[in-house]
């Protein structure tokens, strides 16, 4: 079933719902692909991860992870003083 809707009202609704749900904004794939330097090699970008910070090609997954780097900073105290170092083995 098709129905005519007012494009301006529809766009306003999209913007309002984005604001209501704290979305950061709108991304348009035509504009993303206009500046895509890898479009000839990999094709068009069709999606992003849910927050929009990573653009994705077809069948590509979003692999965002985070590390608390401060948790790997260690310190030791000895008679010669305090030693602060990054524990690479614990990463």
PDB file of N, CA and C in Angstrom:
ATOM      1  N   UNK A   1       0.839  -1.165   0.000  1.00  0.00           N
ATOM      2  CA  UNK A   1       0.000   0.000   0.000  1.00  0.00           C
ATOM      3  C   UNK A   1       0.894   1.242   0.000  1.00  0.00           C
ATOM      4  N   UNK A   2       0.577   2.201  -0.811  1.00  0.00           N
ATOM      5  CA  UNK A   2       1.316   3.446  -0.912  1.00  0.00           C
ATOM      6  C   UNK A   2       0.440   4.588  -0.436  1.00  0.00           C
ATOM      7  N   UNK A   3       1.091   5.580   0.105  1.00  0.00           N
ATOM      8  CA  UNK A   3       0.352   6.735   0.603  1.00  0.00           C
ATOM      9  C   UNK A   3       1.234   7.972   0.432  1.00  0.00           C
ATOM     10  N   UNK A   4       0.671   9.064  -0.003  1.00  0.00           N
ATOM     11  CA  UNK A   4       1.415  10.306  -0.122  1.00  0.00           C
ATOM     12  C   UNK A   4       1.520  10.959   1.252  1.00  0.00           C
ATOM     13  N   UNK A   5       2.724  11.396   1.594  1.00  0.00           N
ATOM     14  CA  UNK A   5       2.912  12.173   2.819  1.00  0.00           C
ATOM     15  C   UNK A   5       3.693  13.422   2.469  1.00  0.00           C
ATOM     16  N   UNK A   6       3.553  14.401   3.281  1.00  0.00           N
ATOM     17  CA  UNK A   6       4.274  15.656   3.083  1.00  0.00           C
ATOM     18  C   UNK A   6       5.743  15.435   3.435  1.00  0.00           C
ATOM     19  N   UNK A   7       6.661  15.612   2.474  1.00  0.00           N
ATOM     20  CA  UNK A   7       8.082  15.348   2.742  1.00  0.00           C
ATOM     21  C   UNK A   7       8.648  16.204   3.877  1.00  0.00           C
ATOM     22  N   UNK A   8       8.264  17.459   3.935  1.00  0.00           N
ATOM     23  CA  UNK A   8       8.785  18.329   4.995  1.00  0.00           C
ATOM     24  C   UNK A   8       8.324  17.852   6.368  1.00  0.00           C
ATOM     25  N   UNK A   9       7.056  17.470   6.482  1.00  0.00           N
ATOM     26  CA  UNK A   9       6.540  16.964   7.758  1.00  0.00           C
ATOM     27  C   UNK A   9       7.226  15.658   8.144  1.00  0.00           C
ATOM     28  N   UNK A  10       7.467  14.813   7.146  1.00  0.00           N
ATOM     29  CA  UNK A  10       8.132  13.543   7.409  1.00  0.00           C
ATOM     30  C   UNK A  10       9.563  13.772   7.890  1.00  0.00           C
ATOM     31  N   UNK A  11      10.293  14.685   7.241  1.00  0.00           N
ATOM     32  CA  UNK A  11      11.650  15.003   7.660  1.00  0.00           C
ATOM     33  C   UNK A  11      11.649  15.588   9.069  1.00  0.00           C
ATOM     34  N   UNK A  12      10.692  16.486   9.342  1.00  0.00           N
ATOM     35  CA  UNK A  12      10.588  17.055  10.692  1.00  0.00           C
ATOM     36  C   UNK A  12      10.340  15.964  11.731  1.00  0.00           C
ATOM     37  N   UNK A  13       9.529  14.973  11.382  1.00  0.00           N
ATOM     38  CA  UNK A  13       9.264  13.860  12.292  1.00  0.00           C
ATOM     39  C   UNK A  13      10.536  13.053  12.544  1.00  0.00           C
ATOM     40  N   UNK A  14      11.316  12.793  11.493  1.00  0.00           N
ATOM     41  CA  UNK A  14      12.575  12.060  11.650  1.00  0.00           C
ATOM     42  C   UNK A  14      13.517  12.822  12.575  1.00  0.00           C
ATOM     43  N   UNK A  15      13.648  14.115  12.357  1.00  0.00           N
ATOM     44  CA  UNK A  15      14.539  14.935  13.174  1.00  0.00           C
ATOM     45  C   UNK A  15      14.058  14.969  14.625  1.00  0.00           C
ATOM     46  N   UNK A  16      12.758  15.133  14.820  1.00  0.00           N
ATOM     47  CA  UNK A  16      12.213  15.191  16.176  1.00  0.00           C
ATOM     48  C   UNK A  16      12.451  13.869  16.908  1.00  0.00           C
ATOM     49  N   UNK A  17      12.170  12.741  16.252  1.00  0.00           N
ATOM     50  CA  UNK A  17      12.362  11.449  16.903  1.00  0.00           C
ATOM     51  C   UNK A  17      13.838  11.189  17.202  1.00  0.00           C
ATOM     52  N   UNK A  18      14.719  11.655  16.337  1.00  0.00           N
ATOM     53  CA  UNK A  18      16.146  11.546  16.622  1.00  0.00           C
ATOM     54  C   UNK A  18      16.523  12.341  17.856  1.00  0.00           C
ATOM     55  N   UNK A  19      15.996  13.535  17.969  1.00  0.00           N
ATOM     56  CA  UNK A  19      16.253  14.367  19.145  1.00  0.00           C
ATOM     57  C   UNK A  19      15.661  13.712  20.392  1.00  0.00           C
ATOM     58  N   UNK A  20      14.446  13.195  20.265  1.00  0.00           N
ATOM     59  CA  UNK A  20      13.751  12.571  21.392  1.00  0.00           C
ATOM     60  C   UNK A  20      14.515  11.360  21.930  1.00  0.00           C
ATOM     61  N   UNK A  21      15.181  10.620  21.045  1.00  0.00           N
ATOM     62  CA  UNK A  21      15.906   9.420  21.475  1.00  0.00           C
ATOM     63  C   UNK A  21      17.400   9.666  21.652  1.00  0.00           C
ATOM     64  N   UNK A  22      17.810  10.917  21.637  1.00  0.00           N
ATOM     65  CA  UNK A  22      19.206  11.323  21.872  1.00  0.00           C
ATOM     66  C   UNK A  22      20.157  10.829  20.791  1.00  0.00           C
ATOM     67  N   UNK A  23      19.670  10.647  19.575  1.00  0.00           N
ATOM     68  CA  UNK A  23      20.536  10.297  18.462  1.00  0.00           C
ATOM     69  C   UNK A  23      21.367  11.511  18.080  1.00  0.00           C
ATOM     70  N   UNK A  24      22.620  11.296  17.637  1.00  0.00           N
ATOM     71  CA  UNK A  24      23.489  12.434  17.340  1.00  0.00           C
ATOM     72  C   UNK A  24      23.150  13.169  16.050  1.00  0.00           C
ATOM     73  N   UNK A  25      22.392  12.568  15.158  1.00  0.00           N
ATOM     74  CA  UNK A  25      22.076  13.250  13.914  1.00  0.00           C
ATOM     75  C   UNK A  25      21.715  12.273  12.824  1.00  0.00           C
ATOM     76  N   UNK A  26      21.685  12.778  11.614  1.00  0.00           N
ATOM     77  CA  UNK A  26      21.344  11.963  10.458  1.00  0.00           C
ATOM     78  C   UNK A  26      22.557  11.809   9.562  1.00  0.00           C
ATOM     79  N   UNK A  27      22.702  10.636   8.994  1.00  0.00           N
ATOM     80  CA  UNK A  27      23.746  10.387   8.010  1.00  0.00           C
ATOM     81  C   UNK A  27      23.077   9.970   6.711  1.00  0.00           C
ATOM     82  N   UNK A  28      23.567  10.480   5.610  1.00  0.00           N
ATOM     83  CA  UNK A  28      23.019  10.136   4.306  1.00  0.00           C
ATOM     84  C   UNK A  28      24.072   9.366   3.531  1.00  0.00           C
ATOM     85  N   UNK A  29      23.714   8.148   3.099  1.00  0.00           N
ATOM     86  CA  UNK A  29      24.714   7.305   2.443  1.00  0.00           C
ATOM     87  C   UNK A  29      25.200   7.883   1.122  1.00  0.00           C
ATOM     88  N   UNK A  30      24.385   8.679   0.437  1.00  0.00           N
ATOM     89  CA  UNK A  30      24.871   9.271  -0.812  1.00  0.00           C
ATOM     90  C   UNK A  30      26.002  10.258  -0.540  1.00  0.00           C
ATOM     91  N   UNK A  31      25.902  10.993   0.553  1.00  0.00           N
ATOM     92  CA  UNK A  31      26.962  11.942   0.900  1.00  0.00           C
ATOM     93  C   UNK A  31      28.208  11.206   1.409  1.00  0.00           C
ATOM     94  N   UNK A  32      28.007  10.143   2.177  1.00  0.00           N
ATOM     95  CA  UNK A  32      29.148   9.342   2.642  1.00  0.00           C
ATOM     96  C   UNK A  32      29.907   8.772   1.449  1.00  0.00           C
ATOM     97  N   UNK A  33      29.173   8.227   0.488  1.00  0.00           N
ATOM     98  CA  UNK A  33      29.827   7.610  -0.668  1.00  0.00           C
ATOM     99  C   UNK A  33      30.425   8.630  -1.626  1.00  0.00           C
ATOM    100  N   UNK A  34      29.933   9.846  -1.610  1.00  0.00           N
ATOM    101  CA  UNK A  34      30.518  10.897  -2.446  1.00  0.00           C
ATOM    102  C   UNK A  34      31.975  11.143  -2.049  1.00  0.00           C
ATOM    103  N   UNK A  35      32.285  10.975  -0.759  1.00  0.00           N
ATOM    104  CA  UNK A  35      33.637  11.215  -0.261  1.00  0.00           C
ATOM    105  C   UNK A  35      34.364   9.922   0.105  1.00  0.00           C
ATOM    106  N   UNK A  36      33.849   8.788  -0.332  1.00  0.00           N
ATOM    107  CA  UNK A  36      34.446   7.501  -0.030  1.00  0.00           C
ATOM    108  C   UNK A  36      35.629   7.243  -0.968  1.00  0.00           C
ATOM    109  N   UNK A  37      36.857   7.263  -0.458  1.00  0.00           N
ATOM    110  CA  UNK A  37      38.012   7.058  -1.338  1.00  0.00           C
ATOM    111  C   UNK A  37      38.174   5.610  -1.798  1.00  0.00           C
ATOM    112  N   UNK A  38      37.449   4.682  -1.197  1.00  0.00           N
ATOM    113  CA  UNK A  38      37.595   3.269  -1.537  1.00  0.00           C
ATOM    114  C   UNK A  38      36.404   2.721  -2.316  1.00  0.00           C
ATOM    115  N   UNK A  39      35.582   3.600  -2.858  1.00  0.00           N
ATOM    116  CA  UNK A  39      34.369   3.132  -3.523  1.00  0.00           C
ATOM    117  C   UNK A  39      34.679   2.268  -4.746  1.00  0.00           C
ATOM    118  N   UNK A  40      35.741   2.581  -5.485  1.00  0.00           N
ATOM    119  CA  UNK A  40      36.086   1.770  -6.661  1.00  0.00           C
ATOM    120  C   UNK A  40      36.611   0.402  -6.260  1.00  0.00           C
ATOM    121  N   UNK A  41      37.270   0.310  -5.138  1.00  0.00           N
ATOM    122  CA  UNK A  41      37.844  -0.960  -4.697  1.00  0.00           C
ATOM    123  C   UNK A  41      36.838  -1.837  -3.962  1.00  0.00           C
ATOM    124  N   UNK A  42      36.010  -1.228  -3.098  1.00  0.00           N
ATOM    125  CA  UNK A  42      35.122  -2.012  -2.240  1.00  0.00           C
ATOM    126  C   UNK A  42      33.636  -1.797  -2.497  1.00  0.00           C
ATOM    127  N   UNK A  43      33.286  -0.803  -3.291  1.00  0.00           N
ATOM    128  CA  UNK A  43      31.876  -0.527  -3.557  1.00  0.00           C
ATOM    129  C   UNK A  43      31.286   0.471  -2.577  1.00  0.00           C
ATOM    130  N   UNK A  44      29.967   0.600  -2.631  1.00  0.00           N
ATOM    131  CA  UNK A  44      29.259   1.575  -1.801  1.00  0.00           C
ATOM    132  C   UNK A  44      29.199   1.147  -0.336  1.00  0.00           C
ATOM    133  N   UNK A  45      29.151   2.139   0.525  1.00  0.00           N
ATOM    134  CA  UNK A  45      28.890   1.928   1.945  1.00  0.00           C
ATOM    135  C   UNK A  45      27.381   2.019   2.121  1.00  0.00           C
ATOM    136  N   UNK A  46      26.801   1.036   2.793  1.00  0.00           N
ATOM    137  CA  UNK A  46      25.354   0.987   2.950  1.00  0.00           C
ATOM    138  C   UNK A  46      24.870   1.139   4.388  1.00  0.00           C
ATOM    139  N   UNK A  47      25.768   1.055   5.353  1.00  0.00           N
ATOM    140  CA  UNK A  47      25.298   1.042   6.734  1.00  0.00           C
ATOM    141  C   UNK A  47      26.339   1.640   7.670  1.00  0.00           C
ATOM    142  N   UNK A  48      25.920   1.848   8.890  1.00  0.00           N
ATOM    143  CA  UNK A  48      26.819   2.238   9.974  1.00  0.00           C
ATOM    144  C   UNK A  48      26.489   1.374  11.172  1.00  0.00           C
ATOM    145  N   UNK A  49      27.343   1.432  12.175  1.00  0.00           N
ATOM    146  CA  UNK A  49      26.984   0.784  13.431  1.00  0.00           C
ATOM    147  C   UNK A  49      25.857   1.603  14.069  1.00  0.00           C
ATOM    148  N   UNK A  50      25.242   1.137  15.146  1.00  0.00           N
ATOM    149  CA  UNK A  50      24.076   1.841  15.695  1.00  0.00           C
ATOM    150  C   UNK A  50      24.307   3.301  16.056  1.00  0.00           C
ATOM    151  N   UNK A  51      25.510   3.669  16.436  1.00  0.00           N
ATOM    152  CA  UNK A  51      25.742   5.075  16.803  1.00  0.00           C
ATOM    153  C   UNK A  51      26.279   5.911  15.651  1.00  0.00           C
ATOM    154  N   UNK A  52      26.612   5.318  14.549  1.00  0.00           N
ATOM    155  CA  UNK A  52      27.004   6.055  13.355  1.00  0.00           C
ATOM    156  C   UNK A  52      28.464   6.441  13.260  1.00  0.00           C
ATOM    157  N   UNK A  53      29.299   5.980  14.186  1.00  0.00           N
ATOM    158  CA  UNK A  53      30.701   6.395  14.108  1.00  0.00           C
ATOM    159  C   UNK A  53      31.558   5.493  13.227  1.00  0.00           C
ATOM    160  N   UNK A  54      31.044   4.325  12.820  1.00  0.00           N
ATOM    161  CA  UNK A  54      31.789   3.414  11.959  1.00  0.00           C
ATOM    162  C   UNK A  54      30.922   3.091  10.747  1.00  0.00           C
ATOM    163  N   UNK A  55      31.428   3.414   9.560  1.00  0.00           N
ATOM    164  CA  UNK A  55      30.695   3.064   8.341  1.00  0.00           C
ATOM    165  C   UNK A  55      31.041   1.634   7.958  1.00  0.00           C
ATOM    166  N   UNK A  56      30.061   0.926   7.373  1.00  0.00           N
ATOM    167  CA  UNK A  56      30.231  -0.499   7.117  1.00  0.00           C
ATOM    168  C   UNK A  56      29.883  -0.856   5.681  1.00  0.00           C
ATOM    169  N   UNK A  57      30.693  -1.720   5.101  1.00  0.00           N
ATOM    170  CA  UNK A  57      30.400  -2.285   3.793  1.00  0.00           C
ATOM    171  C   UNK A  57      29.467  -3.481   3.990  1.00  0.00           C
ATOM    172  N   UNK A  58      28.848  -3.983   2.921  1.00  0.00           N
ATOM    173  CA  UNK A  58      27.971  -5.141   3.069  1.00  0.00           C
ATOM    174  C   UNK A  58      28.687  -6.320   3.738  1.00  0.00           C
ATOM    175  N   UNK A  59      27.989  -6.989   4.625  1.00  0.00           N
ATOM    176  CA  UNK A  59      28.479  -8.153   5.371  1.00  0.00           C
ATOM    177  C   UNK A  59      29.668  -7.845   6.279  1.00  0.00           C
ATOM    178  N   UNK A  60      29.890  -6.605   6.594  1.00  0.00           N
ATOM    179  CA  UNK A  60      30.976  -6.229   7.494  1.00  0.00           C
ATOM    180  C   UNK A  60      30.394  -6.020   8.889  1.00  0.00           C
ATOM    181  N   UNK A  61      31.141  -6.391   9.905  1.00  0.00           N
ATOM    182  CA  UNK A  61      30.646  -6.229  11.269  1.00  0.00           C
ATOM    183  C   UNK A  61      31.352  -5.073  11.958  1.00  0.00           C
ATOM    184  N   UNK A  62      30.694  -4.554  12.950  1.00  0.00           N
ATOM    185  CA  UNK A  62      31.260  -3.473  13.755  1.00  0.00           C
ATOM    186  C   UNK A  62      31.967  -4.103  14.941  1.00  0.00           C
ATOM    187  N   UNK A  63      33.236  -3.828  15.072  1.00  0.00           N
ATOM    188  CA  UNK A  63      34.023  -4.439  16.133  1.00  0.00           C
ATOM    189  C   UNK A  63      34.620  -3.346  17.013  1.00  0.00           C
ATOM    190  N   UNK A  64      33.750  -2.642  17.721  1.00  0.00           N
ATOM    191  CA  UNK A  64      34.226  -1.620  18.637  1.00  0.00           C
ATOM    192  C   UNK A  64      34.485  -2.258  19.994  1.00  0.00           C
ATOM    193  N   UNK A  65      35.583  -1.928  20.553  1.00  0.00           N
ATOM    194  CA  UNK A  65      35.893  -2.423  21.889  1.00  0.00           C
ATOM    195  C   UNK A  65      36.557  -1.307  22.676  1.00  0.00           C
ATOM    196  N   UNK A  66      36.601  -1.446  23.946  1.00  0.00           N
ATOM    197  CA  UNK A  66      37.248  -0.424  24.751  1.00  0.00           C
ATOM    198  C   UNK A  66      38.096  -1.091  25.819  1.00  0.00           C
ATOM    199  N   UNK A  67      39.157  -0.433  26.152  1.00  0.00           N
ATOM    200  CA  UNK A  67      40.046  -0.887  27.215  1.00  0.00           C
ATOM    201  C   UNK A  67      40.214   0.233  28.215  1.00  0.00           C
ATOM    202  N   UNK A  68      40.212  -0.107  29.465  1.00  0.00           N
ATOM    203  CA  UNK A  68      40.538   0.853  30.502  1.00  0.00           C
ATOM    204  C   UNK A  68      42.052   0.802  30.678  1.00  0.00           C
ATOM    205  N   UNK A  69      42.756   1.672  29.961  1.00  0.00           N
ATOM    206  CA  UNK A  69      44.217   1.636  29.982  1.00  0.00           C
ATOM    207  C   UNK A  69      44.786   1.895  31.369  1.00  0.00           C
ATOM    208  N   UNK A  70      44.068   2.655  32.164  1.00  0.00           N
ATOM    209  CA  UNK A  70      44.558   2.954  33.511  1.00  0.00           C
ATOM    210  C   UNK A  70      44.674   1.670  34.347  1.00  0.00           C
ATOM    211  N   UNK A  71      43.838   0.667  34.027  1.00  0.00           N
ATOM    212  CA  UNK A  71      43.892  -0.589  34.770  1.00  0.00           C
ATOM    213  C   UNK A  71      45.205  -1.332  34.538  1.00  0.00           C
ATOM    214  N   UNK A  72      45.930  -1.016  33.484  1.00  0.00           N
ATOM    215  CA  UNK A  72      47.184  -1.691  33.176  1.00  0.00           C
ATOM    216  C   UNK A  72      48.416  -0.905  33.645  1.00  0.00           C
ATOM    217  N   UNK A  73      48.189   0.239  34.238  1.00  0.00           N
ATOM    218  CA  UNK A  73      49.298   1.014  34.808  1.00  0.00           C
ATOM    219  C   UNK A  73      49.542   0.486  36.217  1.00  0.00           C
ATOM    220  N   UNK A  74      50.730   0.042  36.458  1.00  0.00           N
ATOM    221  CA  UNK A  74      51.089  -0.550  37.754  1.00  0.00           C
ATOM    222  C   UNK A  74      52.156   0.305  38.413  1.00  0.00           C
ATOM    223  N   UNK A  75      52.244   0.166  39.711  1.00  0.00           N
ATOM    224  CA  UNK A  75      53.313   0.853  40.422  1.00  0.00           C
ATOM    225  C   UNK A  75      53.872  -0.068  41.497  1.00  0.00           C
ATOM    226  N   UNK A  76      55.145   0.034  41.681  1.00  0.00           N
ATOM    227  CA  UNK A  76      55.850  -0.755  42.691  1.00  0.00           C
ATOM    228  C   UNK A  76      56.668   0.196  43.547  1.00  0.00           C
ATOM    229  N   UNK A  77      56.762  -0.154  44.783  1.00  0.00           N
ATOM    230  CA  UNK A  77      57.578   0.641  45.704  1.00  0.00           C
ATOM    231  C   UNK A  77      58.712  -0.225  46.207  1.00  0.00           C
ATOM    232  N   UNK A  78      59.883   0.330  46.210  1.00  0.00           N
ATOM    233  CA  UNK A  78      61.053  -0.379  46.739  1.00  0.00           C
ATOM    234  C   UNK A  78      61.921   0.628  47.481  1.00  0.00           C
ATOM    235  N   UNK A  79      63.017   0.153  48.000  1.00  0.00           N
ATOM    236  CA  UNK A  79      63.922   1.049  48.725  1.00  0.00           C
ATOM    237  C   UNK A  79      64.522   2.098  47.794  1.00  0.00           C
ATOM    238  N   UNK A  80      64.611   1.765  46.507  1.00  0.00           N
ATOM    239  CA  UNK A  80      65.194   2.728  45.566  1.00  0.00           C
ATOM    240  C   UNK A  80      64.163   3.747  45.070  1.00  0.00           C
ATOM    241  N   UNK A  81      62.897   3.549  45.422  1.00  0.00           N
ATOM    242  CA  UNK A  81      61.895   4.536  45.026  1.00  0.00           C
ATOM    243  C   UNK A  81      60.647   3.909  44.413  1.00  0.00           C
ATOM    244  N   UNK A  82      59.875   4.755  43.830  1.00  0.00           N
ATOM    245  CA  UNK A  82      58.605   4.338  43.221  1.00  0.00           C
ATOM    246  C   UNK A  82      58.813   4.097  41.728  1.00  0.00           C
ATOM    247  N   UNK A  83      58.271   2.984  41.242  1.00  0.00           N
ATOM    248  CA  UNK A  83      58.383   2.658  39.824  1.00  0.00           C
ATOM    249  C   UNK A  83      56.966   2.532  39.254  1.00  0.00           C
ATOM    250  N   UNK A  84      56.670   3.317  38.236  1.00  0.00           N
ATOM    251  CA  UNK A  84      55.372   3.257  37.554  1.00  0.00           C
ATOM    252  C   UNK A  84      55.626   2.724  36.154  1.00  0.00           C
ATOM    253  N   UNK A  85      54.843   1.728  35.753  1.00  0.00           N
ATOM    254  CA  UNK A  85      55.059   1.122  34.442  1.00  0.00           C
ATOM    255  C   UNK A  85      53.741   0.600  33.882  1.00  0.00           C
ATOM    256  N   UNK A  86      53.748   0.313  32.595  1.00  0.00           N
ATOM    257  CA  UNK A  86      52.589  -0.250  31.908  1.00  0.00           C
ATOM    258  C   UNK A  86      52.790  -1.752  31.824  1.00  0.00           C
ATOM    259  N   UNK A  87      51.842  -2.519  32.326  1.00  0.00           N
ATOM    260  CA  UNK A  87      51.946  -3.974  32.362  1.00  0.00           C
ATOM    261  C   UNK A  87      51.488  -4.565  31.029  1.00  0.00           C
ATOM    262  N   UNK A  88      52.403  -4.721  30.092  1.00  0.00           N
ATOM    263  CA  UNK A  88      52.081  -5.231  28.759  1.00  0.00           C
ATOM    264  C   UNK A  88      51.626  -6.685  28.794  1.00  0.00           C
ATOM    265  N   UNK A  89      52.095  -7.454  29.754  1.00  0.00           N
ATOM    266  CA  UNK A  89      51.719  -8.863  29.841  1.00  0.00           C
ATOM    267  C   UNK A  89      50.261  -9.029  30.255  1.00  0.00           C
ATOM    268  N   UNK A  90      49.717  -8.103  30.986  1.00  0.00           N
ATOM    269  CA  UNK A  90      48.341  -8.194  31.490  1.00  0.00           C
ATOM    270  C   UNK A  90      47.321  -7.743  30.447  1.00  0.00           C
ATOM    271  N   UNK A  91      47.792  -7.074  29.379  1.00  0.00           N
ATOM    272  CA  UNK A  91      46.889  -6.605  28.343  1.00  0.00           C
ATOM    273  C   UNK A  91      46.401  -7.781  27.583  1.00  0.00           C
TER     274      UNK A  91
END
